[in-house]
PDB file of N, CA and C in Angstrom:
ATOM      1  N   ALA A   1     217.933 252.442 167.805  1.00  0.00           N
ATOM      2  CA  ALA A   1     217.079 253.273 168.538  1.00  0.00           C
ATOM      3  C   ALA A   1     217.122 252.960 170.097  1.00  0.00           C
ATOM      4  N   SER A   2     216.801 253.918 170.836  1.00  0.00           N
ATOM      5  CA  SER A   2     216.974 253.724 172.241  1.00  0.00           C
ATOM      6  C   SER A   2     216.065 252.616 172.868  1.00  0.00           C
ATOM      7  N   ASN A   3     214.978 252.278 172.087  1.00  0.00           N
ATOM      8  CA  ASN A   3     214.097 251.166 172.595  1.00  0.00           C
ATOM      9  C   ASN A   3     214.543 249.817 172.224  1.00  0.00           C
ATOM     10  N   GLY A   4     215.768 249.719 171.459  1.00  0.00           N
ATOM     11  CA  GLY A   4     216.210 248.450 171.140  1.00  0.00           C
ATOM     12  C   GLY A   4     215.859 247.952 169.721  1.00  0.00           C
ATOM     13  N   SER A   5     215.077 248.743 168.986  1.00  0.00           N
ATOM     14  CA  SER A   5     214.738 248.337 167.564  1.00  0.00           C
ATOM     15  C   SER A   5     215.694 248.700 166.602  1.00  0.00           C
ATOM     16  N   LEU A   6     215.956 247.846 165.567  1.00  0.00           N
ATOM     17  CA  LEU A   6     216.743 248.127 164.418  1.00  0.00           C
ATOM     18  C   LEU A   6     215.848 248.274 163.289  1.00  0.00           C
ATOM     19  N   ALA A   7     215.916 249.456 162.658  1.00  0.00           N
ATOM     20  CA  ALA A   7     214.917 249.791 161.511  1.00  0.00           C
ATOM     21  C   ALA A   7     215.722 250.566 160.439  1.00  0.00           C
ATOM     22  N   GLY A   8     215.190 250.457 159.254  1.00  0.00           N
ATOM     23  CA  GLY A   8     215.709 251.315 158.057  1.00  0.00           C
ATOM     24  C   GLY A   8     215.563 250.461 156.799  1.00  0.00           C
ATOM     25  N   THR A   9     216.039 251.019 155.753  1.00  0.00           N
ATOM     26  CA  THR A   9     216.020 250.310 154.410  1.00  0.00           C
ATOM     27  C   THR A   9     217.484 250.064 154.012  1.00  0.00           C
ATOM     28  N   PRO A  10     217.824 248.833 153.936  1.00  0.00           N
ATOM     29  CA  PRO A  10     219.157 248.486 153.508  1.00  0.00           C
ATOM     30  C   PRO A  10     219.518 249.022 152.049  1.00  0.00           C
ATOM     31  N   THR A  11     220.651 249.501 151.816  1.00  0.00           N
ATOM     32  CA  THR A  11     221.074 249.945 150.477  1.00  0.00           C
ATOM     33  C   THR A  11     222.134 249.185 149.850  1.00  0.00           C
ATOM     34  N   ALA A  12     222.585 248.085 150.662  1.00  0.00           N
ATOM     35  CA  ALA A  12     223.695 247.287 150.081  1.00  0.00           C
ATOM     36  C   ALA A  12     223.520 245.909 150.768  1.00  0.00           C
ATOM     37  N   GLY A  13     223.872 244.856 149.984  1.00  0.00           N
ATOM     38  CA  GLY A  13     223.871 243.537 150.517  1.00  0.00           C
ATOM     39  C   GLY A  13     225.197 243.154 151.253  1.00  0.00           C
ATOM     40  N   GLY A  14     225.188 242.216 152.078  1.00  0.00           N
ATOM     41  CA  GLY A  14     226.412 241.727 152.674  1.00  0.00           C
ATOM     42  C   GLY A  14     226.117 241.291 154.214  1.00  0.00           C
ATOM     43  N   THR A  15     227.149 240.962 154.810  1.00  0.00           N
ATOM     44  CA  THR A  15     227.026 240.650 156.375  1.00  0.00           C
ATOM     45  C   THR A  15     227.679 241.730 157.084  1.00  0.00           C
ATOM     46  N   PHE A  16     226.947 242.273 158.069  1.00  0.00           N
ATOM     47  CA  PHE A  16     227.345 243.452 158.801  1.00  0.00           C
ATOM     48  C   PHE A  16     227.449 242.994 160.342  1.00  0.00           C
ATOM     49  N   THR A  17     228.508 243.278 160.970  1.00  0.00           N
ATOM     50  CA  THR A  17     228.704 243.032 162.424  1.00  0.00           C
ATOM     51  C   THR A  17     228.707 244.356 163.138  1.00  0.00           C
ATOM     52  N   PHE A  18     228.159 244.279 164.360  1.00  0.00           N
ATOM     53  CA  PHE A  18     228.081 245.470 165.208  1.00  0.00           C
ATOM     54  C   PHE A  18     227.901 245.097 166.650  1.00  0.00           C
ATOM     55  N   THR A  19     228.155 245.937 167.596  1.00  0.00           N
ATOM     56  CA  THR A  19     227.920 245.648 169.016  1.00  0.00           C
ATOM     57  C   THR A  19     226.841 246.472 169.539  1.00  0.00           C
ATOM     58  N   VAL A  20     225.953 245.785 170.271  1.00  0.00           N
ATOM     59  CA  VAL A  20     224.810 246.445 170.965  1.00  0.00           C
ATOM     60  C   VAL A  20     225.067 246.410 172.356  1.00  0.00           C
ATOM     61  N   THR A  21     224.948 247.519 172.987  1.00  0.00           N
ATOM     62  CA  THR A  21     225.040 247.655 174.522  1.00  0.00           C
ATOM     63  C   THR A  21     223.768 248.154 175.142  1.00  0.00           C
ATOM     64  N   ALA A  22     223.283 247.373 176.132  1.00  0.00           N
ATOM     65  CA  ALA A  22     222.047 247.750 176.867  1.00  0.00           C
ATOM     66  C   ALA A  22     222.481 248.207 178.209  1.00  0.00           C
ATOM     67  N   THR A  23     222.032 249.358 178.621  1.00  0.00           N
ATOM     68  CA  THR A  23     222.311 249.915 179.875  1.00  0.00           C
ATOM     69  C   THR A  23     221.069 250.180 180.685  1.00  0.00           C
ATOM     70  N   ASP A  24     221.013 249.794 182.031  1.00  0.00           N
ATOM     71  CA  ASP A  24     219.855 249.947 182.735  1.00  0.00           C
ATOM     72  C   ASP A  24     219.612 251.474 183.061  1.00  0.00           C
ATOM     73  N   SER A  25     218.427 251.846 183.657  1.00  0.00           N
ATOM     74  CA  SER A  25     218.101 253.184 183.880  1.00  0.00           C
ATOM     75  C   SER A  25     218.935 253.892 184.953  1.00  0.00           C
ATOM     76  N   SER A  26     219.704 253.122 185.785  1.00  0.00           N
ATOM     77  CA  SER A  26     220.550 253.724 186.720  1.00  0.00           C
ATOM     78  C   SER A  26     221.819 254.366 186.070  1.00  0.00           C
ATOM     79  N   GLY A  27     222.169 253.870 184.976  1.00  0.00           N
ATOM     80  CA  GLY A  27     223.346 254.372 184.247  1.00  0.00           C
ATOM     81  C   GLY A  27     224.635 254.015 184.958  1.00  0.00           C
ATOM     82  N   GLY A  28     224.595 253.239 185.988  1.00  0.00           N
ATOM     83  CA  GLY A  28     225.748 252.826 186.671  1.00  0.00           C
ATOM     84  C   GLY A  28     226.769 251.976 185.867  1.00  0.00           C
ATOM     85  N   THR A  29     227.880 251.809 186.477  1.00  0.00           N
ATOM     86  CA  THR A  29     228.919 251.115 185.721  1.00  0.00           C
ATOM     87  C   THR A  29     229.240 249.741 186.498  1.00  0.00           C
ATOM     88  N   GLY A  30     228.391 249.232 187.373  1.00  0.00           N
ATOM     89  CA  GLY A  30     228.561 248.045 188.063  1.00  0.00           C
ATOM     90  C   GLY A  30     228.437 246.910 187.099  1.00  0.00           C
ATOM     91  N   PRO A  31     228.736 245.650 187.612  1.00  0.00           N
ATOM     92  CA  PRO A  31     228.807 244.490 186.758  1.00  0.00           C
ATOM     93  C   PRO A  31     227.413 244.078 186.166  1.00  0.00           C
ATOM     94  N   PHE A  32     226.370 244.540 186.717  1.00  0.00           N
ATOM     95  CA  PHE A  32     224.991 244.110 186.241  1.00  0.00           C
ATOM     96  C   PHE A  32     224.295 245.319 185.605  1.00  0.00           C
ATOM     97  N   SER A  33     224.899 246.478 185.421  1.00  0.00           N
ATOM     98  CA  SER A  33     224.104 247.607 184.933  1.00  0.00           C
ATOM     99  C   SER A  33     224.199 247.712 183.457  1.00  0.00           C
ATOM    100  N   ALA A  34     225.086 247.018 182.797  1.00  0.00           N
ATOM    101  CA  ALA A  34     225.332 247.146 181.289  1.00  0.00           C
ATOM    102  C   ALA A  34     225.581 245.805 180.784  1.00  0.00           C
ATOM    103  N   SER A  35     225.134 245.540 179.584  1.00  0.00           N
ATOM    104  CA  SER A  35     225.382 244.255 178.947  1.00  0.00           C
ATOM    105  C   SER A  35     225.549 244.525 177.493  1.00  0.00           C
ATOM    106  N   SER A  36     226.576 243.902 176.813  1.00  0.00           N
ATOM    107  CA  SER A  36     226.982 244.048 175.365  1.00  0.00           C
ATOM    108  C   SER A  36     226.952 242.754 174.702  1.00  0.00           C
ATOM    109  N   ALA A  37     226.570 242.840 173.418  1.00  0.00           N
ATOM    110  CA  ALA A  37     226.569 241.600 172.564  1.00  0.00           C
ATOM    111  C   ALA A  37     227.007 241.960 171.233  1.00  0.00           C
ATOM    112  N   ALA A  38     227.858 241.178 170.612  1.00  0.00           N
ATOM    113  CA  ALA A  38     228.223 241.202 169.297  1.00  0.00           C
ATOM    114  C   ALA A  38     227.222 240.593 168.404  1.00  0.00           C
ATOM    115  N   LEU A  39     226.709 241.293 167.458  1.00  0.00           N
ATOM    116  CA  LEU A  39     225.682 240.702 166.511  1.00  0.00           C
ATOM    117  C   LEU A  39     226.122 240.856 165.099  1.00  0.00           C
ATOM    118  N   ALA A  40     225.535 239.995 164.260  1.00  0.00           N
ATOM    119  CA  ALA A  40     225.725 239.993 162.794  1.00  0.00           C
ATOM    120  C   ALA A  40     224.403 240.027 162.109  1.00  0.00           C
ATOM    121  N   LEU A  41     224.320 240.786 161.063  1.00  0.00           N
ATOM    122  CA  LEU A  41     223.067 240.815 160.235  1.00  0.00           C
ATOM    123  C   LEU A  41     223.403 240.667 158.823  1.00  0.00           C
ATOM    124  N   THR A  42     222.812 239.696 158.132  1.00  0.00           N
ATOM    125  CA  THR A  42     222.973 239.429 156.790  1.00  0.00           C
ATOM    126  C   THR A  42     221.876 240.123 155.950  1.00  0.00           C
ATOM    127  N   VAL A  43     222.310 240.942 154.964  1.00  0.00           N
ATOM    128  CA  VAL A  43     221.288 241.591 154.089  1.00  0.00           C
ATOM    129  C   VAL A  43     221.509 240.917 152.764  1.00  0.00           C
ATOM    130  N   ASN A  44     220.392 240.193 152.295  1.00  0.00           N
ATOM    131  CA  ASN A  44     220.352 239.600 151.021  1.00  0.00           C
ATOM    132  C   ASN A  44     220.059 240.581 149.901  1.00  0.00           C
ATOM    133  N   ALA A  45     220.815 240.586 148.869  1.00  0.00           N
ATOM    134  CA  ALA A  45     220.515 241.421 147.708  1.00  0.00           C
ATOM    135  C   ALA A  45     219.204 241.056 147.064  1.00  0.00           C
ATOM    136  N   PRO A  46     218.453 241.932 146.509  1.00  0.00           N
ATOM    137  CA  PRO A  46     217.140 241.690 145.884  1.00  0.00           C
ATOM    138  C   PRO A  46     217.381 240.808 144.691  1.00  0.00           C
ATOM    139  N   THR A  47     216.425 240.039 144.359  1.00  0.00           N
ATOM    140  CA  THR A  47     216.398 239.262 143.074  1.00  0.00           C
ATOM    141  C   THR A  47     216.030 240.181 141.960  1.00  0.00           C
ATOM    142  N   ILE A  48     216.921 240.165 140.951  1.00  0.00           N
ATOM    143  CA  ILE A  48     216.717 240.995 139.736  1.00  0.00           C
ATOM    144  C   ILE A  48     216.165 240.092 138.630  1.00  0.00           C
ATOM    145  N   LEU A  49     215.008 240.514 138.028  1.00  0.00           N
ATOM    146  CA  LEU A  49     214.403 239.774 136.981  1.00  0.00           C
ATOM    147  C   LEU A  49     214.578 240.500 135.640  1.00  0.00           C
ATOM    148  N   ILE A  50     214.772 239.750 134.612  1.00  0.00           N
ATOM    149  CA  ILE A  50     214.908 240.257 133.268  1.00  0.00           C
ATOM    150  C   ILE A  50     213.681 239.818 132.391  1.00  0.00           C
ATOM    151  N   ALA A  51     213.194 240.783 131.663  1.00  0.00           N
ATOM    152  CA  ALA A  51     212.048 240.520 130.802  1.00  0.00           C
ATOM    153  C   ALA A  51     212.374 241.050 129.444  1.00  0.00           C
ATOM    154  N   PRO A  52     211.926 240.492 128.303  1.00  0.00           N
ATOM    155  CA  PRO A  52     211.106 239.201 128.344  1.00  0.00           C
ATOM    156  C   PRO A  52     211.922 237.943 128.637  1.00  0.00           C
ATOM    157  N   SER A  53     211.301 236.970 128.957  1.00  0.00           N
ATOM    158  CA  SER A  53     211.982 235.672 129.359  1.00  0.00           C
ATOM    159  C   SER A  53     212.331 234.902 128.126  1.00  0.00           C
ATOM    160  N   SER A  54     211.889 235.189 126.980  1.00  0.00           N
ATOM    161  CA  SER A  54     212.344 234.654 125.741  1.00  0.00           C
ATOM    162  C   SER A  54     212.332 235.697 124.677  1.00  0.00           C
ATOM    163  N   LEU A  55     213.174 235.545 123.732  1.00  0.00           N
ATOM    164  CA  LEU A  55     213.444 236.578 122.663  1.00  0.00           C
ATOM    165  C   LEU A  55     212.738 236.116 121.364  1.00  0.00           C
ATOM    166  N   PRO A  56     212.262 237.119 120.551  1.00  0.00           N
ATOM    167  CA  PRO A  56     211.714 236.785 119.271  1.00  0.00           C
ATOM    168  C   PRO A  56     212.780 236.283 118.313  1.00  0.00           C
ATOM    169  N   ASN A  57     212.424 235.461 117.397  1.00  0.00           N
ATOM    170  CA  ASN A  57     213.420 234.937 116.391  1.00  0.00           C
ATOM    171  C   ASN A  57     213.969 236.038 115.518  1.00  0.00           C
ATOM    172  N   ALA A  58     215.147 235.807 115.093  1.00  0.00           N
ATOM    173  CA  ALA A  58     215.834 236.829 114.241  1.00  0.00           C
ATOM    174  C   ALA A  58     215.955 236.130 112.817  1.00  0.00           C
ATOM    175  N   THR A  59     216.190 236.869 111.771  1.00  0.00           N
ATOM    176  CA  THR A  59     216.315 236.439 110.460  1.00  0.00           C
ATOM    177  C   THR A  59     217.689 236.840 109.886  1.00  0.00           C
ATOM    178  N   VAL A  60     218.439 235.929 109.272  1.00  0.00           N
ATOM    179  CA  VAL A  60     219.689 236.261 108.678  1.00  0.00           C
ATOM    180  C   VAL A  60     219.540 237.384 107.709  1.00  0.00           C
ATOM    181  N   ALA A  61     220.436 238.331 107.798  1.00  0.00           N
ATOM    182  CA  ALA A  61     220.541 239.490 106.984  1.00  0.00           C
ATOM    183  C   ALA A  61     219.432 240.572 107.157  1.00  0.00           C
ATOM    184  N   ALA A  62     218.609 240.302 108.229  1.00  0.00           N
ATOM    185  CA  ALA A  62     217.634 241.353 108.532  1.00  0.00           C
ATOM    186  C   ALA A  62     217.886 242.080 109.833  1.00  0.00           C
ATOM    187  N   ALA A  63     217.750 243.335 109.840  1.00  0.00           N
ATOM    188  CA  ALA A  63     218.074 244.080 111.134  1.00  0.00           C
ATOM    189  C   ALA A  63     217.224 243.530 112.281  1.00  0.00           C
ATOM    190  N   TYR A  64     217.806 243.467 113.456  1.00  0.00           N
ATOM    191  CA  TYR A  64     217.107 242.902 114.575  1.00  0.00           C
ATOM    192  C   TYR A  64     217.426 243.943 115.730  1.00  0.00           C
ATOM    193  N   SER A  65     216.396 244.125 116.564  1.00  0.00           N
ATOM    194  CA  SER A  65     216.512 244.923 117.750  1.00  0.00           C
ATOM    195  C   SER A  65     215.495 244.454 118.796  1.00  0.00           C
ATOM    196  N   GLN A  66     216.014 244.164 120.039  1.00  0.00           N
ATOM    197  CA  GLN A  66     215.069 243.849 121.079  1.00  0.00           C
ATOM    198  C   GLN A  66     215.698 244.400 122.385  1.00  0.00           C
ATOM    199  N   THR A  67     214.887 245.037 123.079  1.00  0.00           N
ATOM    200  CA  THR A  67     215.374 245.560 124.460  1.00  0.00           C
ATOM    201  C   THR A  67     214.939 244.690 125.538  1.00  0.00           C
ATOM    202  N   VAL A  68     215.755 244.360 126.543  1.00  0.00           N
ATOM    203  CA  VAL A  68     215.446 243.640 127.696  1.00  0.00           C
ATOM    204  C   VAL A  68     215.449 244.633 128.805  1.00  0.00           C
ATOM    205  N   ALA A  69     214.608 244.367 129.831  1.00  0.00           N
ATOM    206  CA  ALA A  69     214.520 245.330 130.908  1.00  0.00           C
ATOM    207  C   ALA A  69     214.524 244.552 132.279  1.00  0.00           C
ATOM    208  N   ALA A  70     215.148 245.059 133.244  1.00  0.00           N
ATOM    209  CA  ALA A  70     215.305 244.499 134.514  1.00  0.00           C
ATOM    210  C   ALA A  70     214.395 245.150 135.516  1.00  0.00           C
ATOM    211  N   SER A  71     214.062 244.359 136.602  1.00  0.00           N
ATOM    212  CA  SER A  71     213.240 244.866 137.651  1.00  0.00           C
ATOM    213  C   SER A  71     213.658 244.178 138.950  1.00  0.00           C
ATOM    214  N   GLY A  72     213.332 244.784 139.982  1.00  0.00           N
ATOM    215  CA  GLY A  72     213.683 244.069 141.358  1.00  0.00           C
ATOM    216  C   GLY A  72     214.880 244.671 142.059  1.00  0.00           C
ATOM    217  N   GLY A  73     215.586 245.414 141.475  1.00  0.00           N
ATOM    218  CA  GLY A  73     216.813 245.991 142.170  1.00  0.00           C
ATOM    219  C   GLY A  73     216.616 247.441 142.228  1.00  0.00           C
ATOM    220  N   THR A  74     217.851 248.116 142.120  1.00  0.00           N
ATOM    221  CA  THR A  74     217.885 249.575 142.041  1.00  0.00           C
ATOM    222  C   THR A  74     218.138 249.998 140.666  1.00  0.00           C
ATOM    223  N   VAL A  75     217.310 250.870 140.142  1.00  0.00           N
ATOM    224  CA  VAL A  75     217.361 251.453 138.776  1.00  0.00           C
ATOM    225  C   VAL A  75     218.770 251.950 138.500  1.00  0.00           C
ATOM    226  N   GLY A  76     219.140 251.667 137.315  1.00  0.00           N
ATOM    227  CA  GLY A  76     220.589 251.900 136.878  1.00  0.00           C
ATOM    228  C   GLY A  76     221.297 250.598 136.472  1.00  0.00           C
ATOM    229  N   TYR A  77     220.562 249.744 135.850  1.00  0.00           N
ATOM    230  CA  TYR A  77     221.070 248.407 135.559  1.00  0.00           C
ATOM    231  C   TYR A  77     222.110 248.390 134.405  1.00  0.00           C
ATOM    232  N   SER A  78     222.978 247.484 134.458  1.00  0.00           N
ATOM    233  CA  SER A  78     223.850 247.250 133.286  1.00  0.00           C
ATOM    234  C   SER A  78     223.715 245.742 132.858  1.00  0.00           C
ATOM    235  N   TYR A  79     223.854 245.523 131.596  1.00  0.00           N
ATOM    236  CA  TYR A  79     223.528 244.131 131.070  1.00  0.00           C
ATOM    237  C   TYR A  79     224.761 243.550 130.530  1.00  0.00           C
ATOM    238  N   ALA A  80     224.930 242.261 130.577  1.00  0.00           N
ATOM    239  CA  ALA A  80     226.057 241.521 129.983  1.00  0.00           C
ATOM    240  C   ALA A  80     225.769 240.143 129.593  1.00  0.00           C
ATOM    241  N   VAL A  81     226.344 239.516 128.698  1.00  0.00           N
ATOM    242  CA  VAL A  81     226.332 238.179 128.453  1.00  0.00           C
ATOM    243  C   VAL A  81     227.245 237.364 129.365  1.00  0.00           C
ATOM    244  N   THR A  82     226.708 236.513 130.160  1.00  0.00           N
ATOM    245  CA  THR A  82     227.487 235.721 131.159  1.00  0.00           C
ATOM    246  C   THR A  82     227.845 234.347 130.802  1.00  0.00           C
ATOM    247  N   ALA A  83     227.094 233.768 129.817  1.00  0.00           N
ATOM    248  CA  ALA A  83     227.370 232.387 129.359  1.00  0.00           C
ATOM    249  C   ALA A  83     226.901 232.295 127.965  1.00  0.00           C
ATOM    250  N   GLY A  84     227.577 231.427 127.267  1.00  0.00           N
ATOM    251  CA  GLY A  84     227.214 231.232 125.787  1.00  0.00           C
ATOM    252  C   GLY A  84     227.655 232.399 124.925  1.00  0.00           C
ATOM    253  N   SER A  85     227.090 232.400 123.788  1.00  0.00           N
ATOM    254  CA  SER A  85     227.495 233.519 122.960  1.00  0.00           C
ATOM    255  C   SER A  85     226.287 233.977 122.095  1.00  0.00           C
ATOM    256  N   LEU A  86     226.376 235.248 121.731  1.00  0.00           N
ATOM    257  CA  LEU A  86     225.330 235.849 120.873  1.00  0.00           C
ATOM    258  C   LEU A  86     225.403 235.299 119.478  1.00  0.00           C
ATOM    259  N   PRO A  87     224.336 235.303 118.600  1.00  0.00           N
ATOM    260  CA  PRO A  87     224.526 234.968 117.245  1.00  0.00           C
ATOM    261  C   PRO A  87     225.468 235.929 116.644  1.00  0.00           C
ATOM    262  N   PRO A  88     226.337 235.438 115.584  1.00  0.00           N
ATOM    263  CA  PRO A  88     227.150 236.387 114.924  1.00  0.00           C
ATOM    264  C   PRO A  88     226.412 237.554 114.292  1.00  0.00           C
ATOM    265  N   GLY A  89     226.880 238.779 114.381  1.00  0.00           N
ATOM    266  CA  GLY A  89     226.221 239.890 113.899  1.00  0.00           C
ATOM    267  C   GLY A  89     225.398 240.789 114.936  1.00  0.00           C
ATOM    268  N   LEU A  90     225.134 240.099 116.114  1.00  0.00           N
ATOM    269  CA  LEU A  90     224.363 240.808 117.157  1.00  0.00           C
ATOM    270  C   LEU A  90     225.321 241.154 118.249  1.00  0.00           C
ATOM    271  N   SER A  91     224.866 242.249 118.933  1.00  0.00           N
ATOM    272  CA  SER A  91     225.623 242.664 120.164  1.00  0.00           C
ATOM    273  C   SER A  91     224.669 243.156 121.175  1.00  0.00           C
ATOM    274  N   LEU A  92     225.087 243.165 122.434  1.00  0.00           N
ATOM    275  CA  LEU A  92     224.248 243.635 123.519  1.00  0.00           C
ATOM    276  C   LEU A  92     224.825 244.819 124.126  1.00  0.00           C
ATOM    277  N   SER A  93     224.102 245.968 124.155  1.00  0.00           N
ATOM    278  CA  SER A  93     224.591 247.173 124.717  1.00  0.00           C
ATOM    279  C   SER A  93     224.534 247.092 126.283  1.00  0.00           C
ATOM    280  N   SER A  94     225.300 247.842 126.939  1.00  0.00           N
ATOM    281  CA  SER A  94     225.179 247.782 128.513  1.00  0.00           C
ATOM    282  C   SER A  94     223.857 248.390 128.978  1.00  0.00           C
ATOM    283  N   GLY A  95     223.115 249.031 128.060  1.00  0.00           N
ATOM    284  CA  GLY A  95     221.767 249.433 128.424  1.00  0.00           C
ATOM    285  C   GLY A  95     220.677 248.398 128.140  1.00  0.00           C
ATOM    286  N   GLY A  96     220.947 247.203 127.624  1.00  0.00           N
ATOM    287  CA  GLY A  96     220.013 246.170 127.457  1.00  0.00           C
ATOM    288  C   GLY A  96     219.411 246.025 126.149  1.00  0.00           C
ATOM    289  N   VAL A  97     219.996 246.568 125.020  1.00  0.00           N
ATOM    290  CA  VAL A  97     219.513 246.462 123.738  1.00  0.00           C
ATOM    291  C   VAL A  97     220.293 245.405 122.908  1.00  0.00           C
ATOM    292  N   LEU A  98     219.664 244.402 122.551  1.00  0.00           N
ATOM    293  CA  LEU A  98     220.256 243.374 121.698  1.00  0.00           C
ATOM    294  C   LEU A  98     219.980 243.744 120.203  1.00  0.00           C
ATOM    295  N   SER A  99     220.987 244.042 119.445  1.00  0.00           N
ATOM    296  CA  SER A  99     220.775 244.507 118.103  1.00  0.00           C
ATOM    297  C   SER A  99     221.821 244.143 117.161  1.00  0.00           C
ATOM    298  N   GLY A 100     221.509 244.360 115.846  1.00  0.00           N
ATOM    299  CA  GLY A 100     222.507 244.074 114.805  1.00  0.00           C
ATOM    300  C   GLY A 100     221.810 243.389 113.718  1.00  0.00           C
ATOM    301  N   THR A 101     222.540 242.839 112.780  1.00  0.00           N
ATOM    302  CA  THR A 101     222.019 242.075 111.690  1.00  0.00           C
ATOM    303  C   THR A 101     222.732 240.643 111.698  1.00  0.00           C
ATOM    304  N   PRO A 102     221.947 239.546 112.089  1.00  0.00           N
ATOM    305  CA  PRO A 102     222.472 238.210 112.100  1.00  0.00           C
ATOM    306  C   PRO A 102     223.167 237.830 110.829  1.00  0.00           C
ATOM    307  N   THR A 103     224.301 237.173 110.858  1.00  0.00           N
ATOM    308  CA  THR A 103     224.997 236.742 109.650  1.00  0.00           C
ATOM    309  C   THR A 103     225.039 235.255 109.507  1.00  0.00           C
ATOM    310  N   ALA A 104     224.453 234.480 110.422  1.00  0.00           N
ATOM    311  CA  ALA A 104     224.422 233.016 110.367  1.00  0.00           C
ATOM    312  C   ALA A 104     223.202 232.447 111.055  1.00  0.00           C
ATOM    313  N   GLY A 105     222.543 231.517 110.518  1.00  0.00           N
ATOM    314  CA  GLY A 105     221.378 230.886 111.110  1.00  0.00           C
ATOM    315  C   GLY A 105     221.856 229.857 112.160  1.00  0.00           C
ATOM    316  N   GLY A 106     220.882 229.456 112.938  1.00  0.00           N
ATOM    317  CA  GLY A 106     221.103 228.458 113.962  1.00  0.00           C
ATOM    318  C   GLY A 106     220.429 228.888 115.269  1.00  0.00           C
ATOM    319  N   THR A 107     220.570 227.929 116.261  1.00  0.00           N
ATOM    320  CA  THR A 107     220.134 228.186 117.581  1.00  0.00           C
ATOM    321  C   THR A 107     221.232 228.606 118.475  1.00  0.00           C
ATOM    322  N   TYR A 108     221.092 229.691 119.147  1.00  0.00           N
ATOM    323  CA  TYR A 108     222.218 230.237 119.998  1.00  0.00           C
ATOM    324  C   TYR A 108     221.607 230.360 121.439  1.00  0.00           C
ATOM    325  N   ASN A 109     222.260 229.677 122.333  1.00  0.00           N
ATOM    326  CA  ASN A 109     221.904 229.704 123.757  1.00  0.00           C
ATOM    327  C   ASN A 109     222.873 230.646 124.525  1.00  0.00           C
ATOM    328  N   PHE A 110     222.352 231.587 125.248  1.00  0.00           N
ATOM    329  CA  PHE A 110     223.278 232.459 126.046  1.00  0.00           C
ATOM    330  C   PHE A 110     222.465 232.976 127.255  1.00  0.00           C
ATOM    331  N   THR A 111     223.187 233.415 128.186  1.00  0.00           N
ATOM    332  CA  THR A 111     222.570 233.903 129.463  1.00  0.00           C
ATOM    333  C   THR A 111     223.001 235.357 129.596  1.00  0.00           C
ATOM    334  N   LEU A 112     221.897 236.186 129.828  1.00  0.00           N
ATOM    335  CA  LEU A 112     222.033 237.539 130.065  1.00  0.00           C
ATOM    336  C   LEU A 112     221.938 237.786 131.577  1.00  0.00           C
ATOM    337  N   ALA A 113     222.737 238.768 132.033  1.00  0.00           N
ATOM    338  CA  ALA A 113     222.611 239.170 133.453  1.00  0.00           C
ATOM    339  C   ALA A 113     222.517 240.671 133.564  1.00  0.00           C
ATOM    340  N   ALA A 114     221.674 241.093 134.607  1.00  0.00           N
ATOM    341  CA  ALA A 114     221.516 242.455 134.854  1.00  0.00           C
ATOM    342  C   ALA A 114     222.145 242.735 136.212  1.00  0.00           C
ATOM    343  N   THR A 115     222.856 243.852 136.332  1.00  0.00           N
ATOM    344  CA  THR A 115     223.488 244.170 137.558  1.00  0.00           C
ATOM    345  C   THR A 115     223.016 245.621 137.940  1.00  0.00           C
ATOM    346  N   ASP A 116     222.721 245.812 139.257  1.00  0.00           N
ATOM    347  CA  ASP A 116     222.197 247.145 139.512  1.00  0.00           C
ATOM    348  C   ASP A 116     223.308 247.859 140.280  1.00  0.00           C
TER     349      ASP A 116
END
């Protein structure tokens, strides 16, 4: 803006560099009538949360379905397992539905991530 303010709603994270030039009211080109500065602005991506924070237990040979939901970013999330592995017989859809029929008992630790 002409008053020197920087405003708006960021739509992407990252570091952005730009040059700002201030010119005095005379509009002259002398050595003291204009000043420029290179600036950098870092925009942090929003924290995306996944709910529920824990999943209900499943039973071997019984159909299972649980939906996870994300919030805090931009709608249009995709979901993936980023660490560990799902119980045999279960899969995670890109839309956040964990479903299937477990074929083995046990404790399975895995990490789900949501990307906007």
